[in-house]
Amino acid sequence: MEESGRRRQQRRNHPSTASSSSSTGSTHFRSQNFSSNPARTTQSSNFVPRSTATTGTAPHNTRNSGHLPRWKSETNANNQREGEKEAGEEVGSIVGTCPFMCPDGERAQRERLRDLAVFERLNGDPRKTSPALAVKKGRGGNALEVSTDLNIRFAGASATLLLLTISLKYVQASDVRPLSVLEDTLNYLLNLMESSEHPFEVVHDFIFDRTRSIRQDLSMQNIVNDRAICMYEKMVKFHVVSHHRLRSCGGSSISSLHYLNMEQLTKTLASLYLLYEANHGTNPIYENEAEFRSLYVLLHLDSKGQQTESLSYWFSRVPSLVMKSKEMHFARQVLRFYRMGNYRSFLCTVSAEASYLQYCIIEHYVNEVRALAVSYINNCCYKLHPYPLEHLSKLLMMKESDLESFCHACGLETSSDGDGNKSLPTKQTTFCNPREVFKAMSFWDFSSRKVERLTAFFEIAGLLALKYKPTV
């Protein structure tokens, strides 16, 4: 009791000491709170207020307890600036110096591991390759692959391009190919599309992976100029043609190849559109932009519900010059006819106006629309009057022999009279959508366009990387 009384007396006699002690305790408490963030612990604990260092007394903080002290705000601002500087140095700071399609280190390692594709083997030896054959593999599915926002600055315009890239801290300049080497590599790869020594699915699998590595090298160097746009357009063409040709391939792995190809087609198209937007400051619209924009619409012909709303939103972001183009007008017409079930207008429009790239996307829907037309005729026509296949073949733009097989695939029977004229009896109850994948090549026999329009779709550096020959 006497001791406590003496303490109370001491505080009454020396109020400044108690106030100083209280202030010091309060300041110490706040400092502990600010240092509780693990990301700032080191900086907070090393900070010494100027007043404490010079006078040995604690500083008086007269601010509201809800505000950060000035030193804390300045520290946060400095840390943010340093982080932005480091991010800016990391993204797009590398310039490739590899003069070959595949870096020397990777080529030697893959020779040791016998990790060489059939197109890379020297004289068929799985342990030997050469700089003229080996192509850098795509890297993915590991901790090095991250999604990065690249800040694109081109001709004073800035945009954000979301690309798949490799963290630059793990990459050497000698492992990255410059733009000129990437262009030559892409042309070499696309020229392999003509290869007849191997099944198309083997060719596709090789080009699929190597073009992915090309996009990664472009991303790491933040190359977003017109030459990069041209390369992305060529890679989109590859995926579109593969989308068309993989349907005619057999094998248990085709479905997975088709799915992965469609996934990369969607991603590559999205990157191409962002490149267009980033360069619109110098070019209001690119020569092929309208056609490549139309592919997005054609890929979403059968989208329903929420995806329809996203397509409407996508239209609102397309440049007005593109929306007024004949390619986009065609895509919107096809979209409308398909969703209305107007098979006659759909087939006529596709036959008259579709480019080869557009048709590669539409072909799957062509036979779907034909099946719809057959079901209409089967259900709606008069039972006592079979529908002549000759007339139906002109309506559906198919050869009569192909139409007969198509009707059988739909579960319908055909008949013929004494003169050999074939017809489709109506009101049959066995109709079903065809499970067999029918080629719609004969669809082009009814088009009056020149053959050049079918083959000029894939000119690569003066070379025809893929020759398309419609069946007769």
Protein backbone atom coordinates (compact mmCIF):
# COMPACT_ATOMS: atom_id res chain seq x y z
CA MET A 1 0.00 0.00 0.00
CA GLU A 2 2.76 2.43 0.91
CA GLU A 3 4.61 1.58 -2.31
CA SER A 4 1.53 2.23 -4.47
CA GLY A 5 0.89 5.49 -2.69
CA ARG A 6 4.44 6.64 -3.38
CA ARG A 7 3.98 5.84 -7.11
CA ARG A 8 0.77 7.89 -7.30
CA GLN A 9 2.51 10.76 -5.60
CA GLN A 10 5.41 10.51 -8.04
CA ARG A 11 3.06 10.71 -11.04
CA ARG A 12 1.34 13.77 -9.58
CA ASN A 13 4.69 15.48 -9.01
CA HIS A 14 6.15 14.57 -12.51
CA PRO A 15 3.31 14.48 -15.09
CA SER A 16 5.69 14.94 -18.09
CA THR A 17 7.48 11.67 -17.31
CA ALA A 18 4.20 9.74 -17.29
CA SER A 19 3.10 11.39 -20.53
CA SER A 20 6.40 10.55 -22.19
CA SER A 21 6.17 6.97 -21.02
CA SER A 22 2.61 6.69 -22.28
CA SER A 23 3.54 8.17 -25.65
CA THR A 24 6.47 5.82 -26.01
CA GLY A 25 4.33 2.83 -25.22
CA SER A 26 1.69 3.94 -27.70
CA THR A 27 4.24 4.49 -30.43
CA HIS A 28 5.79 1.12 -29.77
CA PHE A 29 2.37 -0.53 -30.01
CA ARG A 30 1.63 1.09 -33.38
CA SER A 31 5.02 0.13 -34.74
CA GLN A 32 4.34 -3.49 -33.85
CA ASN A 33 1.00 -3.35 -35.69
CA PHE A 34 2.58 -1.91 -38.84
CA SER A 35 5.32 -4.52 -38.75
CA SER A 36 2.85 -7.39 -38.62
CA ASN A 37 2.76 -7.54 -42.45
CA PRO A 38 5.33 -10.19 -43.43
CA ALA A 39 6.15 -8.39 -46.68
CA ARG A 40 7.21 -5.24 -44.81
CA THR A 41 8.69 -6.68 -41.60
CA THR A 42 12.35 -6.05 -42.49
CA GLN A 43 11.80 -2.48 -43.62
CA SER A 44 9.65 -1.54 -40.66
CA SER A 45 12.00 -3.01 -38.06
CA ASN A 46 15.03 -1.22 -39.55
CA PHE A 47 13.38 2.18 -39.59
CA VAL A 48 14.59 4.62 -36.92
CA PRO A 49 12.69 7.94 -36.60
CA ARG A 50 14.94 10.99 -36.93
CA SER A 51 13.82 12.47 -33.62
CA THR A 52 14.71 9.25 -31.81
CA ALA A 53 18.13 9.01 -33.43
CA THR A 54 19.08 12.60 -32.54
CA THR A 55 17.36 13.29 -29.24
CA GLY A 56 16.64 9.81 -27.91
CA THR A 57 12.97 10.63 -27.39
CA ALA A 58 10.01 9.12 -29.19
CA PRO A 59 8.29 11.21 -31.90
CA HIS A 60 4.82 12.58 -31.16
CA ASN A 61 2.26 11.43 -33.75
CA THR A 62 -0.67 13.83 -33.69
CA ARG A 63 -2.49 12.19 -36.63
CA ASN A 64 -5.66 10.20 -36.43
CA SER A 65 -4.91 6.57 -35.60
CA GLY A 66 -6.67 5.54 -38.84
CA HIS A 67 -4.05 7.25 -41.03
CA LEU A 68 -0.64 5.83 -41.97
CA PRO A 69 2.37 7.85 -40.78
CA ARG A 70 4.22 9.78 -43.46
CA TRP A 71 7.22 7.48 -43.33
CA LYS A 72 4.98 4.47 -43.92
CA SER A 73 3.29 6.04 -46.96
CA GLU A 74 6.62 7.00 -48.46
CA THR A 75 7.97 3.46 -47.91
CA ASN A 76 4.94 1.91 -49.62
CA ALA A 77 5.23 4.28 -52.58
CA ASN A 78 8.93 3.52 -52.98
CA ASN A 79 8.30 -0.22 -52.82
CA GLN A 80 5.56 0.05 -55.44
CA ARG A 81 7.81 2.05 -57.79
CA GLU A 82 10.62 -0.47 -57.36
CA GLY A 83 8.26 -3.37 -58.07
CA GLU A 84 6.95 -1.71 -61.23
CA LYS A 85 10.51 -1.03 -62.35
CA GLU A 86 11.52 -4.66 -61.81
CA ALA A 87 8.42 -5.90 -63.64
CA GLY A 88 9.12 -3.57 -66.53
CA GLU A 89 12.70 -4.77 -66.72
CA GLU A 90 11.61 -8.42 -66.64
CA VAL A 91 8.87 -8.22 -69.29
CA GLY A 92 10.08 -7.60 -72.82
CA SER A 93 13.68 -6.89 -71.75
CA ILE A 94 15.19 -9.93 -73.48
CA VAL A 95 16.37 -9.87 -77.09
CA GLY A 96 16.94 -13.28 -78.65
CA THR A 97 20.29 -14.12 -80.23
CA CYS A 98 19.80 -17.77 -81.26
CA PRO A 99 20.59 -18.04 -85.01
CA PHE A 100 19.05 -21.50 -85.46
CA MET A 101 15.57 -22.96 -85.34
CA CYS A 102 16.62 -24.79 -82.15
CA PRO A 103 19.19 -23.64 -79.56
CA ASP A 104 22.44 -25.63 -79.44
CA GLY A 105 21.92 -26.72 -75.84
CA GLU A 106 18.42 -28.06 -76.41
CA ARG A 107 19.46 -29.79 -79.62
CA ALA A 108 22.36 -31.59 -77.89
CA GLN A 109 20.20 -32.57 -74.92
CA ARG A 110 17.44 -33.98 -77.10
CA GLU A 111 19.99 -35.98 -79.07
CA ARG A 112 21.20 -37.56 -75.84
CA LEU A 113 17.64 -38.29 -74.73
CA ARG A 114 16.57 -39.44 -78.21
CA ASP A 115 13.79 -36.87 -78.04
CA LEU A 116 13.65 -36.13 -81.76
CA ALA A 117 10.52 -36.05 -83.90
CA VAL A 118 10.51 -37.92 -87.19
CA PHE A 119 10.96 -34.63 -89.07
CA GLU A 120 14.09 -33.79 -87.05
CA ARG A 121 16.05 -37.02 -87.47
CA LEU A 122 19.14 -36.97 -89.65
CA ASN A 123 18.86 -39.88 -92.11
CA GLY A 124 16.21 -41.41 -89.84
CA ASP A 125 18.60 -41.76 -86.88
CA PRO A 126 16.69 -40.98 -83.62
CA ARG A 127 20.01 -39.98 -81.99
CA LYS A 128 21.17 -37.48 -84.63
CA THR A 129 19.82 -34.20 -85.95
CA SER A 130 21.13 -30.99 -87.50
CA PRO A 131 20.48 -27.22 -87.24
CA ALA A 132 18.50 -27.46 -90.49
CA LEU A 133 16.10 -30.06 -89.04
CA ALA A 134 15.72 -29.50 -85.29
CA VAL A 135 13.07 -27.02 -84.15
CA LYS A 136 12.72 -25.68 -80.62
CA LYS A 137 10.01 -27.43 -78.62
CA GLY A 138 7.21 -25.63 -76.87
CA ARG A 139 7.49 -25.38 -73.10
CA GLY A 140 4.42 -25.81 -70.93
CA GLY A 141 2.86 -27.56 -67.96
CA ASN A 142 5.58 -26.58 -65.50
CA ALA A 143 6.36 -23.91 -62.94
CA LEU A 144 8.19 -21.78 -65.49
CA GLU A 145 5.07 -21.14 -67.53
CA VAL A 146 3.11 -18.20 -66.20
CA SER A 147 0.49 -15.83 -67.49
CA THR A 148 1.90 -12.32 -67.82
CA ASP A 149 0.47 -8.95 -68.74
CA LEU A 150 2.74 -7.40 -71.33
CA ASN A 151 2.55 -3.65 -71.65
CA ILE A 152 2.46 -2.97 -75.37
CA ARG A 153 3.58 0.40 -76.58
CA PHE A 154 3.45 0.91 -80.32
CA ALA A 155 3.38 4.27 -82.09
CA GLY A 156 2.24 6.04 -78.95
CA ALA A 157 -0.65 3.66 -78.32
CA SER A 158 -0.70 1.38 -75.28
CA ALA A 159 -2.71 -1.76 -74.68
CA THR A 160 -2.52 -4.86 -72.56
CA LEU A 161 -1.76 -8.17 -74.22
CA LEU A 162 -2.32 -11.31 -72.22
CA LEU A 163 0.13 -13.86 -73.51
CA LEU A 164 1.60 -17.09 -72.32
CA THR A 165 5.26 -16.55 -71.60
CA ILE A 166 8.17 -18.01 -69.76
CA SER A 167 9.53 -16.20 -66.72
CA LEU A 168 12.56 -14.39 -68.11
CA LYS A 169 14.73 -15.08 -65.07
CA TYR A 170 15.09 -18.69 -66.27
CA VAL A 171 15.80 -17.86 -69.93
CA GLN A 172 19.04 -16.92 -71.66
CA ALA A 173 19.14 -14.71 -74.75
CA SER A 174 20.99 -17.48 -76.59
CA ASP A 175 17.93 -19.74 -76.11
CA VAL A 176 15.51 -17.27 -77.71
CA ARG A 177 15.22 -16.81 -81.47
CA PRO A 178 15.00 -13.29 -82.95
CA LEU A 179 12.16 -12.24 -85.22
CA SER A 180 13.87 -13.04 -88.52
CA VAL A 181 14.71 -16.58 -87.36
CA LEU A 182 11.15 -17.05 -86.08
CA GLU A 183 9.74 -16.06 -89.48
CA ASP A 184 11.99 -18.52 -91.30
CA THR A 185 11.10 -21.24 -88.79
CA LEU A 186 7.38 -20.68 -89.26
CA ASN A 187 7.67 -20.84 -93.05
CA TYR A 188 9.66 -24.07 -92.75
CA LEU A 189 7.02 -25.62 -90.50
CA LEU A 190 4.06 -24.63 -92.65
CA ASN A 191 5.79 -26.04 -95.70
CA LEU A 192 5.62 -29.45 -93.99
CA MET A 193 1.85 -29.39 -94.48
CA GLU A 194 2.50 -30.77 -97.96
CA SER A 195 4.24 -33.83 -96.55
CA SER A 196 2.74 -37.08 -97.79
CA GLU A 197 5.24 -39.40 -96.10
CA HIS A 198 3.39 -39.31 -92.78
CA PRO A 199 -0.29 -39.20 -91.73
CA PHE A 200 -1.67 -35.72 -91.28
CA GLU A 201 -2.16 -36.21 -87.55
CA VAL A 202 1.61 -36.78 -87.20
CA VAL A 203 2.37 -33.66 -89.23
CA HIS A 204 -0.17 -31.68 -87.26
CA ASP A 205 1.18 -32.77 -83.88
CA PHE A 206 4.70 -31.64 -84.81
CA ILE A 207 3.69 -28.25 -86.23
CA PHE A 208 1.23 -27.73 -83.36
CA ASP A 209 3.97 -27.90 -80.72
CA ARG A 210 6.63 -25.97 -82.67
CA THR A 211 4.33 -23.07 -83.56
CA ARG A 212 3.51 -22.83 -79.86
CA SER A 213 7.20 -22.32 -79.11
CA ILE A 214 7.27 -19.57 -81.75
CA ARG A 215 4.48 -17.72 -79.95
CA GLN A 216 6.37 -18.09 -76.68
CA ASP A 217 9.52 -16.56 -78.16
CA LEU A 218 7.48 -13.67 -79.60
CA SER A 219 5.90 -13.14 -76.20
CA MET A 220 9.16 -13.13 -74.27
CA GLN A 221 10.59 -10.46 -76.56
CA ASN A 222 7.35 -8.46 -76.55
CA ILE A 223 7.27 -8.35 -80.37
CA VAL A 224 3.96 -6.79 -81.40
CA ASN A 225 4.63 -5.17 -84.77
CA ASP A 226 3.15 -5.83 -88.21
CA ARG A 227 5.48 -8.76 -88.82
CA ALA A 228 4.22 -10.41 -85.64
CA ILE A 229 0.63 -9.90 -86.84
CA CYS A 230 1.49 -11.60 -90.14
CA MET A 231 2.96 -14.56 -88.25
CA TYR A 232 -0.10 -14.88 -86.02
CA GLU A 233 -2.35 -14.84 -89.08
CA LYS A 234 -0.37 -17.73 -90.58
CA MET A 235 -0.61 -19.71 -87.34
CA VAL A 236 -4.36 -19.13 -87.19
CA LYS A 237 -4.61 -20.45 -90.76
CA PHE A 238 -2.75 -23.58 -89.71
CA HIS A 239 -5.16 -24.26 -86.87
CA VAL A 240 -8.21 -23.56 -89.08
CA VAL A 241 -7.04 -25.93 -91.81
CA SER A 242 -6.19 -28.53 -89.17
CA HIS A 243 -9.70 -28.12 -87.76
CA HIS A 244 -11.00 -29.07 -91.20
CA ARG A 245 -8.58 -31.89 -92.05
CA LEU A 246 -8.57 -33.64 -88.67
CA ARG A 247 -12.24 -34.50 -89.18
CA SER A 248 -11.30 -36.88 -91.97
CA CYS A 249 -8.58 -38.62 -89.94
CA GLY A 250 -9.13 -41.85 -88.05
CA GLY A 251 -7.68 -43.20 -84.86
CA SER A 252 -8.38 -43.13 -81.16
CA SER A 253 -6.39 -39.94 -80.51
CA ILE A 254 -8.13 -37.77 -83.12
CA SER A 255 -10.76 -36.46 -80.72
CA SER A 256 -8.11 -35.20 -78.30
CA LEU A 257 -6.07 -33.69 -81.14
CA HIS A 258 -9.18 -31.95 -82.43
CA TYR A 259 -9.99 -30.59 -78.97
CA LEU A 260 -6.45 -29.29 -78.36
CA ASN A 261 -6.33 -27.74 -81.82
CA MET A 262 -9.60 -25.92 -81.20
CA GLU A 263 -8.28 -24.69 -77.85
CA GLN A 264 -5.11 -23.27 -79.44
CA LEU A 265 -7.11 -21.80 -82.31
CA THR A 266 -9.24 -19.86 -79.85
CA LYS A 267 -6.21 -18.61 -77.90
CA THR A 268 -4.27 -17.66 -81.03
CA LEU A 269 -7.26 -15.77 -82.42
CA ALA A 270 -7.64 -13.87 -79.14
CA SER A 271 -3.95 -12.88 -79.22
CA LEU A 272 -4.25 -11.83 -82.86
CA TYR A 273 -7.23 -9.59 -82.07
CA LEU A 274 -5.27 -7.93 -79.27
CA LEU A 275 -2.39 -7.33 -81.66
CA TYR A 276 -4.79 -5.71 -84.10
CA GLU A 277 -6.09 -3.41 -81.39
CA ALA A 278 -2.59 -2.52 -80.18
CA ASN A 279 -1.58 -1.42 -83.68
CA HIS A 280 -4.74 0.42 -84.72
CA GLY A 281 -2.99 3.70 -84.01
CA THR A 282 -0.99 3.33 -87.22
CA ASN A 283 -3.41 1.15 -89.21
CA PRO A 284 -7.17 1.75 -88.92
CA ILE A 285 -7.79 -1.77 -90.21
CA TYR A 286 -5.51 -4.50 -91.53
CA GLU A 287 -5.97 -6.13 -94.91
CA ASN A 288 -7.00 -9.53 -93.54
CA GLU A 289 -8.50 -8.36 -90.25
CA ALA A 290 -12.13 -8.60 -91.39
CA GLU A 291 -11.78 -12.23 -92.47
CA PHE A 292 -10.02 -13.26 -89.27
CA ARG A 293 -12.60 -11.41 -87.17
CA SER A 294 -15.37 -13.26 -89.00
CA LEU A 295 -13.88 -16.61 -87.96
CA TYR A 296 -14.82 -15.89 -84.35
CA VAL A 297 -18.47 -15.51 -85.34
CA LEU A 298 -18.45 -18.71 -87.37
CA LEU A 299 -16.92 -20.62 -84.46
CA HIS A 300 -19.93 -19.60 -82.34
CA LEU A 301 -22.77 -20.46 -84.70
CA ASP A 302 -24.36 -22.94 -82.31
CA SER A 303 -23.70 -21.05 -79.07
CA LYS A 304 -26.73 -20.70 -76.84
CA GLY A 305 -27.78 -18.75 -73.76
CA GLN A 306 -25.05 -16.80 -72.06
CA GLN A 307 -22.60 -17.34 -74.92
CA THR A 308 -25.04 -15.55 -77.22
CA GLU A 309 -24.85 -12.50 -74.96
CA SER A 310 -21.06 -12.63 -74.99
CA LEU A 311 -21.16 -12.72 -78.81
CA SER A 312 -23.35 -9.62 -78.81
CA TYR A 313 -20.86 -7.91 -76.51
CA TRP A 314 -18.04 -9.00 -78.80
CA PHE A 315 -19.79 -7.32 -81.75
CA SER A 316 -19.90 -4.05 -79.82
CA ARG A 317 -16.11 -4.02 -79.51
CA VAL A 318 -15.36 -4.73 -83.17
CA PRO A 319 -14.19 -1.67 -85.16
CA SER A 320 -16.90 -0.13 -87.32
CA LEU A 321 -14.87 -0.59 -90.51
CA VAL A 322 -14.70 -4.32 -89.82
CA MET A 323 -18.42 -4.52 -89.10
CA LYS A 324 -19.13 -2.92 -92.49
CA SER A 325 -16.88 -5.33 -94.38
CA LYS A 326 -18.26 -8.02 -96.67
CA GLU A 327 -16.57 -10.75 -94.59
CA MET A 328 -18.34 -9.73 -91.42
CA HIS A 329 -21.61 -9.20 -93.31
CA PHE A 330 -21.31 -12.77 -94.58
CA ALA A 331 -20.60 -14.14 -91.10
CA ARG A 332 -23.60 -12.36 -89.59
CA GLN A 333 -25.87 -13.58 -92.40
CA VAL A 334 -24.73 -17.17 -91.92
CA LEU A 335 -25.26 -16.81 -88.17
CA ARG A 336 -28.81 -15.55 -88.70
CA PHE A 337 -29.77 -18.20 -91.28
CA TYR A 338 -28.35 -21.00 -89.16
CA ARG A 339 -30.23 -20.01 -86.03
CA MET A 340 -33.44 -19.46 -88.00
CA GLY A 341 -33.18 -22.91 -89.61
CA ASN A 342 -33.30 -21.35 -93.09
CA TYR A 343 -31.32 -24.09 -94.79
CA ARG A 344 -31.84 -22.81 -98.34
CA SER A 345 -30.45 -19.33 -97.63
CA PHE A 346 -27.67 -20.80 -95.49
CA LEU A 347 -26.41 -23.12 -98.22
CA CYS A 348 -26.72 -20.55 -101.00
CA THR A 349 -24.88 -17.89 -99.00
CA VAL A 350 -22.06 -20.25 -98.04
CA SER A 351 -21.69 -21.49 -101.61
CA ALA A 352 -21.57 -18.00 -103.09
CA GLU A 353 -19.50 -16.03 -100.57
CA ALA A 354 -17.45 -18.20 -98.21
CA SER A 355 -13.67 -18.07 -98.41
CA TYR A 356 -11.77 -21.30 -97.88
CA LEU A 357 -10.85 -20.42 -94.30
CA GLN A 358 -14.46 -19.61 -93.53
CA TYR A 359 -15.61 -22.84 -95.15
CA CYS A 360 -13.15 -24.89 -93.06
CA ILE A 361 -15.07 -23.67 -90.01
CA ILE A 362 -18.54 -23.96 -91.56
CA GLU A 363 -18.24 -27.43 -93.13
CA HIS A 364 -19.32 -29.18 -89.93
CA TYR A 365 -22.49 -27.10 -89.91
CA VAL A 366 -23.20 -27.66 -93.61
CA ASN A 367 -24.10 -31.31 -93.14
CA GLU A 368 -25.98 -30.45 -89.96
CA VAL A 369 -28.14 -28.02 -91.95
CA ARG A 370 -28.60 -30.64 -94.68
CA ALA A 371 -29.86 -33.14 -92.11
CA LEU A 372 -32.29 -30.50 -90.87
CA ALA A 373 -33.55 -30.00 -94.43
CA VAL A 374 -34.02 -33.74 -94.92
CA SER A 375 -36.02 -33.94 -91.68
CA TYR A 376 -38.23 -31.03 -92.82
CA ILE A 377 -38.97 -32.72 -96.14
CA ASN A 378 -39.55 -36.11 -94.52
CA ASN A 379 -42.03 -34.68 -91.99
CA CYS A 380 -43.83 -32.10 -94.09
CA CYS A 381 -44.23 -33.51 -97.59
CA TYR A 382 -47.24 -35.48 -98.75
CA LYS A 383 -46.91 -39.20 -98.07
CA LEU A 384 -48.29 -40.39 -101.41
CA HIS A 385 -45.75 -38.32 -103.35
CA PRO A 386 -42.13 -39.34 -102.68
CA TYR A 387 -39.65 -36.50 -103.02
CA PRO A 388 -37.33 -36.90 -106.08
CA LEU A 389 -33.66 -37.16 -105.12
CA GLU A 390 -32.69 -35.27 -108.26
CA HIS A 391 -34.52 -32.20 -107.06
CA LEU A 392 -33.37 -32.67 -103.47
CA SER A 393 -29.72 -32.94 -104.55
CA LYS A 394 -29.95 -29.52 -106.21
CA LEU A 395 -31.65 -28.09 -103.15
CA LEU A 396 -28.93 -29.38 -100.81
CA MET A 397 -26.09 -28.89 -103.33
CA MET A 398 -25.01 -32.53 -103.24
CA LYS A 399 -24.42 -35.19 -105.84
CA GLU A 400 -27.34 -37.56 -106.11
CA SER A 401 -25.17 -40.55 -105.15
CA ASP A 402 -23.87 -38.71 -102.08
CA LEU A 403 -27.40 -37.66 -101.18
CA GLU A 404 -28.63 -41.26 -101.25
CA SER A 405 -25.87 -42.30 -98.83
CA PHE A 406 -26.67 -39.28 -96.68
CA CYS A 407 -30.35 -40.25 -96.46
CA HIS A 408 -29.39 -43.78 -95.41
CA ALA A 409 -27.12 -42.32 -92.71
CA CYS A 410 -30.17 -40.38 -91.48
CA GLY A 411 -32.07 -43.65 -91.06
CA LEU A 412 -34.27 -43.12 -94.13
CA GLU A 413 -34.88 -45.46 -97.03
CA THR A 414 -34.94 -44.47 -100.68
CA SER A 415 -36.86 -46.01 -103.55
CA SER A 416 -36.68 -46.02 -107.34
CA ASP A 417 -39.28 -46.39 -110.07
CA GLY A 418 -39.15 -48.47 -113.23
CA ASP A 419 -37.17 -45.80 -115.07
CA GLY A 420 -34.45 -45.72 -112.40
CA ASN A 421 -35.50 -42.40 -110.91
CA LYS A 422 -34.77 -42.39 -107.20
CA SER A 423 -36.89 -40.69 -104.59
CA LEU A 424 -37.28 -40.27 -100.85
CA PRO A 425 -40.52 -41.66 -99.36
CA THR A 426 -41.76 -39.23 -96.73
CA LYS A 427 -43.36 -39.61 -93.29
CA GLN A 428 -40.76 -42.17 -92.25
CA THR A 429 -40.41 -42.49 -88.47
CA THR A 430 -36.83 -43.75 -88.45
CA PHE A 431 -35.09 -40.40 -89.00
CA CYS A 432 -31.98 -39.70 -86.88
CA ASN A 433 -29.05 -37.35 -87.13
CA PRO A 434 -26.19 -39.00 -89.02
CA ARG A 435 -23.40 -40.29 -86.82
CA GLU A 436 -20.96 -40.82 -89.67
CA VAL A 437 -18.82 -37.83 -90.59
CA PHE A 438 -19.65 -36.93 -94.19
CA LYS A 439 -17.33 -34.81 -96.24
CA ALA A 440 -19.05 -31.84 -97.82
CA MET A 441 -16.54 -31.54 -100.65
CA SER A 442 -19.13 -31.98 -103.36
CA PHE A 443 -20.68 -28.81 -101.98
CA TRP A 444 -18.06 -26.88 -103.94
CA ASP A 445 -19.06 -28.46 -107.25
CA PHE A 446 -22.04 -26.10 -107.34
CA SER A 447 -19.90 -23.02 -106.92
CA SER A 448 -18.88 -21.07 -110.02
CA ARG A 449 -15.82 -19.57 -108.34
CA LYS A 450 -12.39 -20.20 -109.79
CA VAL A 451 -10.10 -22.86 -108.39
CA GLU A 452 -7.64 -20.16 -107.41
CA ARG A 453 -10.00 -19.03 -104.69
CA LEU A 454 -9.77 -22.46 -103.12
CA THR A 455 -5.97 -22.57 -103.17
CA ALA A 456 -4.88 -18.97 -102.63
CA PHE A 457 -5.82 -19.09 -98.95
CA PHE A 458 -2.44 -20.29 -97.73
CA GLU A 459 0.33 -18.48 -99.56
CA ILE A 460 3.36 -18.40 -97.34
CA ALA A 461 6.31 -16.27 -98.50
CA GLY A 462 5.48 -17.00 -102.15
CA LEU A 463 5.01 -20.73 -101.47
CA LEU A 464 1.76 -22.63 -101.51
CA ALA A 465 2.01 -24.45 -98.20
CA LEU A 466 -1.16 -26.46 -98.74
CA LYS A 467 -2.86 -27.44 -101.97
CA TYR A 468 -6.57 -28.07 -101.72
CA LYS A 469 -8.12 -30.28 -104.38
CA PRO A 470 -11.91 -30.70 -104.20
CA THR A 471 -13.21 -34.13 -105.01
CA VAL A 472 -15.04 -34.64 -108.27
